């Protein structure tokens, strides 16, 4: 917990900047009680039997990569158009960078920069956990978080091979270090943009509301997500991934509907978001028409 609190200051929420200057190439190693970042060339300490079982299916990994690349290329025109609109909206909404880079722990303990659209004010500070109705949100950022559109730039992480469309959510180093034994198994697969745990905890930001969101996350939410991720690693399949993707498409619409109902008395706060949502809907409809 202390480690997480200290590292969260390093990841800092000042303008949502992360300290990943030396991120690429490092790997998280060690077990519970002995956790450290190693130099390139060292692997995460994964039991041999576990590695043989999870990685033995080379054909599945190959098919997963082909599937991700094909889907990413197919989606690229629509995603790029949506990203252009969101980038302009963020630029006009508040000063600061459009893209936020967060150092996350990927497969085999490799650290990589996960991309997201910036959701918070540049001068904002606070814990490395986003809560419901976070005061640090910009008007557009609140909408992006509610609709999960801040995750769109991660298609670049998918193309690079850092992430998949479906898989365990990549976590910050401090959280992985706190549950190193469990992550020894989870990190034998490539993390994903969406997954079973992400869908089950769609309202995660509401669950960690309060004075100490980091403690609530590590004590109550993360242990449950880890159990779900371990089960996914042990039973994953492309068919299961397709079902998860289908559920993911519907999820933002449910969240936006709930958010609109809860803020029906504060229409002005949602006007910028509503305008952006309308533009995106029209853009996606036009792009879909052009593709077909």
Protein backbone atom coordinates (compact mmCIF):
# COMPACT_ATOMS: atom_id res chain seq x y z
CA UNK A 1 0.00 0.00 0.00
CA UNK A 2 2.84 2.38 0.93
CA UNK A 3 4.63 1.46 -2.30
CA UNK A 4 1.50 2.18 -4.29
CA UNK A 5 0.98 5.52 -2.60
CA UNK A 6 4.59 6.55 -3.26
CA UNK A 7 4.56 5.45 -6.90
CA UNK A 8 1.22 7.11 -7.54
CA UNK A 9 2.89 10.41 -6.77
CA UNK A 10 5.49 9.55 -9.40
CA UNK A 11 2.80 8.80 -11.93
CA UNK A 12 1.40 12.11 -10.77
CA UNK A 13 -1.88 13.41 -11.91
CA UNK A 14 -0.48 16.84 -12.73
CA UNK A 15 -1.76 17.14 -16.26
CA UNK A 16 -2.01 13.31 -16.26
CA UNK A 17 1.67 12.88 -16.96
CA UNK A 18 3.39 9.62 -16.10
CA UNK A 19 7.03 8.98 -15.36
CA UNK A 20 7.84 6.63 -18.19
CA UNK A 21 11.07 8.25 -19.33
CA UNK A 22 12.86 4.95 -18.70
CA UNK A 23 9.77 2.80 -19.10
CA UNK A 24 10.40 0.99 -22.36
CA UNK A 25 12.57 -2.08 -22.05
CA UNK A 26 12.25 -2.50 -18.28
CA UNK A 27 10.56 -5.52 -16.76
CA UNK A 28 8.99 -6.21 -13.42
CA UNK A 29 10.64 -9.14 -11.65
CA UNK A 30 10.57 -10.85 -8.33
CA UNK A 31 7.96 -12.43 -6.09
CA UNK A 32 5.97 -11.21 -3.13
CA UNK A 33 8.42 -9.77 -0.64
CA UNK A 34 11.08 -9.28 -3.32
CA UNK A 35 9.91 -6.97 -6.08
CA UNK A 36 12.04 -4.79 -8.27
CA UNK A 37 12.52 -3.54 -11.79
CA UNK A 38 15.28 -5.34 -13.61
CA UNK A 39 17.49 -4.43 -16.52
CA UNK A 40 16.50 -5.63 -19.99
CA UNK A 41 17.17 -9.32 -20.52
CA UNK A 42 15.66 -10.60 -17.29
CA UNK A 43 12.29 -12.33 -17.38
CA UNK A 44 9.42 -12.20 -14.92
CA UNK A 45 9.76 -15.08 -12.47
CA UNK A 46 7.11 -17.43 -13.92
CA UNK A 47 6.95 -21.09 -12.78
CA UNK A 48 8.10 -23.42 -15.55
CA UNK A 49 4.96 -25.57 -15.44
CA UNK A 50 2.78 -22.46 -15.61
CA UNK A 51 4.68 -21.06 -18.59
CA UNK A 52 4.49 -24.38 -20.40
CA UNK A 53 0.73 -24.62 -19.89
CA UNK A 54 -0.18 -21.03 -20.77
CA UNK A 55 2.29 -20.46 -23.60
CA UNK A 56 2.29 -23.98 -24.98
CA UNK A 57 -0.54 -23.17 -27.37
CA UNK A 58 1.51 -21.26 -29.92
CA UNK A 59 -1.25 -21.61 -32.48
CA UNK A 60 -3.73 -19.76 -30.26
CA UNK A 61 -1.33 -16.85 -29.79
CA UNK A 62 -0.74 -16.69 -33.54
CA UNK A 63 -4.48 -16.65 -34.26
CA UNK A 64 -5.02 -14.00 -31.60
CA UNK A 65 -2.42 -11.74 -33.21
CA UNK A 66 -3.89 -12.21 -36.70
CA UNK A 67 -7.37 -11.47 -35.35
CA UNK A 68 -6.22 -8.30 -33.55
CA UNK A 69 -4.34 -6.96 -36.57
CA UNK A 70 -7.24 -7.64 -38.92
CA UNK A 71 -9.75 -5.97 -36.62
CA UNK A 72 -7.46 -3.00 -35.95
CA UNK A 73 -6.89 -2.39 -39.67
CA UNK A 74 -10.62 -2.71 -40.35
CA UNK A 75 -11.48 -0.21 -37.61
CA UNK A 76 -8.65 2.20 -38.35
CA UNK A 77 -10.49 4.64 -40.69
CA UNK A 78 -13.39 5.08 -38.25
CA UNK A 79 -11.13 5.29 -35.20
CA UNK A 80 -8.83 7.87 -36.82
CA UNK A 81 -11.81 10.03 -37.78
CA UNK A 82 -13.22 9.83 -34.26
CA UNK A 83 -9.81 10.57 -32.76
CA UNK A 84 -9.48 13.67 -34.94
CA UNK A 85 -12.82 15.04 -33.69
CA UNK A 86 -11.99 14.25 -30.06
CA UNK A 87 -8.54 15.82 -30.38
CA UNK A 88 -10.00 19.08 -31.67
CA UNK A 89 -12.60 19.05 -28.88
CA UNK A 90 -9.90 18.52 -26.23
CA UNK A 91 -7.73 21.27 -27.69
CA UNK A 92 -10.63 23.73 -27.54
CA UNK A 93 -11.85 22.48 -24.17
CA UNK A 94 -8.72 23.04 -22.05
CA UNK A 95 -4.98 23.65 -22.40
CA UNK A 96 -2.55 20.78 -22.21
CA UNK A 97 -1.57 17.70 -24.22
CA UNK A 98 -4.26 15.74 -26.03
CA UNK A 99 -2.69 12.33 -25.32
CA UNK A 100 -1.85 10.99 -21.87
CA UNK A 101 0.84 8.29 -21.61
CA UNK A 102 0.63 5.92 -18.66
CA UNK A 103 3.37 3.40 -17.89
CA UNK A 104 1.79 -0.04 -17.49
CA UNK A 105 3.08 -3.57 -16.96
CA UNK A 106 2.59 -5.79 -19.99
CA UNK A 107 3.27 -9.36 -20.98
CA UNK A 108 6.28 -10.97 -19.26
CA UNK A 109 6.65 -7.86 -17.09
CA UNK A 110 7.63 -5.56 -19.97
CA UNK A 111 6.74 -1.93 -19.26
CA UNK A 112 5.08 0.05 -22.04
CA UNK A 113 3.35 3.39 -22.54
CA UNK A 114 -0.42 2.93 -22.72
CA UNK A 115 -2.11 5.78 -24.61
CA UNK A 116 -5.31 7.51 -23.57
CA UNK A 117 -7.01 10.79 -24.32
CA UNK A 118 -6.42 13.30 -21.53
CA UNK A 119 -9.50 13.62 -19.36
CA UNK A 120 -8.30 15.95 -16.62
CA UNK A 121 -7.27 19.55 -16.14
CA UNK A 122 -3.52 20.13 -16.64
CA UNK A 123 -3.04 21.48 -13.11
CA UNK A 124 -4.99 18.63 -11.46
CA UNK A 125 -3.30 16.56 -8.76
CA UNK A 126 -4.49 13.60 -6.73
CA UNK A 127 -4.48 9.81 -6.49
CA UNK A 128 -3.78 7.53 -9.44
CA UNK A 129 -7.38 6.32 -9.32
CA UNK A 130 -10.30 7.98 -11.08
CA UNK A 131 -13.48 8.25 -9.04
CA UNK A 132 -17.06 8.98 -10.09
CA UNK A 133 -17.68 12.70 -10.63
CA UNK A 134 -13.96 13.34 -10.24
CA UNK A 135 -13.41 17.07 -9.79
CA UNK A 136 -10.31 16.89 -11.97
CA UNK A 137 -12.33 16.07 -15.11
CA UNK A 138 -12.70 18.59 -17.91
CA UNK A 139 -16.23 18.81 -19.43
CA UNK A 140 -15.14 16.79 -22.47
CA UNK A 141 -13.03 14.50 -20.31
CA UNK A 142 -16.06 13.57 -18.21
CA UNK A 143 -17.90 12.49 -21.36
CA UNK A 144 -14.88 10.55 -22.65
CA UNK A 145 -14.58 8.69 -19.35
CA UNK A 146 -18.30 7.89 -19.24
CA UNK A 147 -18.33 6.58 -22.81
CA UNK A 148 -14.88 4.94 -22.50
CA UNK A 149 -13.81 6.89 -25.59
CA UNK A 150 -10.60 7.92 -23.83
CA UNK A 151 -9.36 4.40 -24.63
CA UNK A 152 -9.49 4.86 -28.43
CA UNK A 153 -5.76 5.71 -28.84
CA UNK A 154 -4.94 2.24 -27.52
CA UNK A 155 -5.55 0.89 -31.00
CA UNK A 156 -1.95 2.03 -31.55
CA UNK A 157 -0.88 -0.21 -28.64
CA UNK A 158 -2.74 -3.07 -30.34
CA UNK A 159 -0.96 -2.47 -33.65
CA UNK A 160 2.38 -2.40 -31.84
CA UNK A 161 1.62 -5.64 -30.05
CA UNK A 162 1.74 -4.14 -26.55
CA UNK A 163 -1.96 -4.89 -26.07
CA UNK A 164 -4.80 -6.95 -27.49
CA UNK A 165 -8.41 -5.93 -27.94
CA UNK A 166 -9.36 -8.47 -25.26
CA UNK A 167 -7.29 -9.43 -22.24
CA UNK A 168 -6.54 -8.57 -18.61
CA UNK A 169 -6.35 -4.83 -18.03
CA UNK A 170 -2.71 -3.64 -17.77
CA UNK A 171 -2.06 -2.18 -14.33
CA UNK A 172 0.35 0.31 -12.80
CA UNK A 173 3.64 -1.04 -11.46
CA UNK A 174 2.67 -0.41 -7.84
CA UNK A 175 -0.48 -2.54 -8.09
CA UNK A 176 1.32 -5.38 -9.87
CA UNK A 177 4.07 -5.36 -7.24
CA UNK A 178 1.50 -5.61 -4.46
CA UNK A 179 0.00 -8.76 -6.01
CA UNK A 180 3.13 -10.13 -7.69
CA UNK A 181 2.30 -13.82 -7.18
CA UNK A 182 -1.05 -13.58 -8.98
CA UNK A 183 0.36 -11.39 -11.75
CA UNK A 184 3.06 -13.97 -12.44
CA UNK A 185 0.28 -15.93 -14.14
CA UNK A 186 -1.74 -13.02 -15.52
CA UNK A 187 1.30 -11.52 -17.25
CA UNK A 188 1.88 -14.66 -19.29
CA UNK A 189 -0.70 -13.25 -21.73
CA UNK A 190 -0.91 -9.91 -23.50
CA UNK A 191 -3.11 -7.34 -21.69
CA UNK A 192 -6.19 -5.97 -23.41
CA UNK A 193 -8.34 -2.89 -23.89
CA UNK A 194 -11.42 -4.74 -22.69
CA UNK A 195 -12.06 -7.98 -20.84
CA UNK A 196 -14.33 -9.84 -18.46
CA UNK A 197 -13.09 -7.92 -15.41
CA UNK A 198 -13.47 -4.56 -17.15
CA UNK A 199 -17.06 -5.37 -18.08
CA UNK A 200 -17.94 -6.67 -14.62
CA UNK A 201 -16.55 -3.49 -13.04
CA UNK A 202 -17.97 -0.94 -15.45
CA UNK A 203 -18.96 1.19 -12.45
CA UNK A 204 -15.56 0.84 -10.78
CA UNK A 205 -15.17 4.60 -10.29
CA UNK A 206 -18.29 4.62 -8.12
CA UNK A 207 -17.03 1.72 -6.02
CA UNK A 208 -13.82 3.54 -5.05
CA UNK A 209 -15.47 6.85 -4.16
CA UNK A 210 -14.40 8.26 -0.81
CA UNK A 211 -11.44 9.57 1.12
CA UNK A 212 -8.98 6.82 0.16
CA UNK A 213 -9.79 5.48 -3.32
CA UNK A 214 -6.43 3.70 -3.66
CA UNK A 215 -7.06 1.59 -0.53
CA UNK A 216 -10.59 0.78 -1.68
CA UNK A 217 -9.22 -0.30 -5.03
CA UNK A 218 -6.41 -2.53 -3.70
CA UNK A 219 -8.41 -3.97 -0.79
CA UNK A 220 -11.74 -4.67 -2.48
CA UNK A 221 -11.85 -4.14 -6.26
CA UNK A 222 -8.46 -5.34 -7.52
CA UNK A 223 -8.49 -8.74 -5.73
CA UNK A 224 -11.80 -9.56 -7.43
CA UNK A 225 -10.50 -8.39 -10.83
CA UNK A 226 -7.40 -10.55 -10.36
CA UNK A 227 -9.54 -13.66 -9.77
CA UNK A 228 -11.49 -12.94 -12.95
CA UNK A 229 -8.30 -12.30 -14.95
CA UNK A 230 -6.69 -15.55 -13.76
CA UNK A 231 -9.77 -17.48 -14.85
CA UNK A 232 -9.66 -15.73 -18.24
CA UNK A 233 -5.99 -16.65 -18.71
CA UNK A 234 -6.76 -20.32 -17.99
CA UNK A 235 -9.78 -20.59 -20.29
CA UNK A 236 -9.37 -17.94 -23.00
CA UNK A 237 -10.42 -18.58 -26.59
CA UNK A 238 -11.12 -16.53 -29.71
CA UNK A 239 -14.80 -17.40 -29.48
CA UNK A 240 -14.88 -16.09 -25.93
CA UNK A 241 -13.07 -12.94 -27.03
CA UNK A 242 -15.73 -12.28 -29.68
CA UNK A 243 -18.45 -12.50 -27.04
CA UNK A 244 -16.53 -10.06 -24.83
CA UNK A 245 -16.17 -7.62 -27.73
CA UNK A 246 -19.91 -7.83 -28.43
CA UNK A 247 -20.67 -6.98 -24.79
CA UNK A 248 -18.12 -4.14 -24.89
CA UNK A 249 -19.88 -2.42 -27.79
CA UNK A 250 -23.07 -2.12 -25.73
CA UNK A 251 -21.41 -1.12 -22.45
CA UNK A 252 -20.72 2.59 -23.21
CA UNK A 253 -24.32 3.12 -24.29
CA UNK A 254 -25.54 1.74 -20.96
CA UNK A 255 -23.14 3.95 -19.00
CA UNK A 256 -24.09 7.08 -20.95
CA UNK A 257 -27.79 6.40 -20.41
CA UNK A 258 -27.24 6.00 -16.67
CA UNK A 259 -25.12 9.16 -16.54
CA UNK A 260 -27.74 11.17 -18.40
CA UNK A 261 -30.46 10.06 -15.97
CA UNK A 262 -28.34 10.89 -12.92
CA UNK A 263 -27.53 14.37 -14.24
CA UNK A 264 -30.90 15.29 -15.67
CA UNK A 265 -31.01 18.35 -13.43
CA UNK A 266 -27.60 19.59 -14.59
CA UNK A 267 -28.09 19.89 -18.32
CA UNK A 268 -25.51 22.63 -18.85
CA UNK A 269 -22.69 20.39 -17.60
CA UNK A 270 -23.51 17.86 -20.30
CA UNK A 271 -24.04 20.21 -23.24
CA UNK A 272 -20.39 20.00 -24.49
CA UNK A 273 -20.46 16.23 -24.14
CA UNK A 274 -23.80 15.98 -25.92
CA UNK A 275 -22.48 18.08 -28.80
CA UNK A 276 -19.38 15.92 -29.13
CA UNK A 277 -21.46 12.77 -28.93
CA UNK A 278 -23.71 13.98 -31.75
CA UNK A 279 -20.73 14.82 -33.97
CA UNK A 280 -19.15 11.43 -33.28
CA UNK A 281 -22.40 9.60 -34.01
CA UNK A 282 -22.78 11.39 -37.36
CA UNK A 283 -19.12 10.80 -38.19
CA UNK A 284 -19.30 7.10 -37.42
CA UNK A 285 -22.49 6.75 -39.46
CA UNK A 286 -20.89 8.47 -42.47
CA UNK A 287 -17.70 6.40 -42.13
CA UNK A 288 -19.69 3.17 -41.94
CA UNK A 289 -21.58 4.18 -45.07
CA UNK A 290 -18.36 4.88 -46.94
CA UNK A 291 -16.81 1.56 -45.88
CA UNK A 292 -19.86 -0.42 -46.97
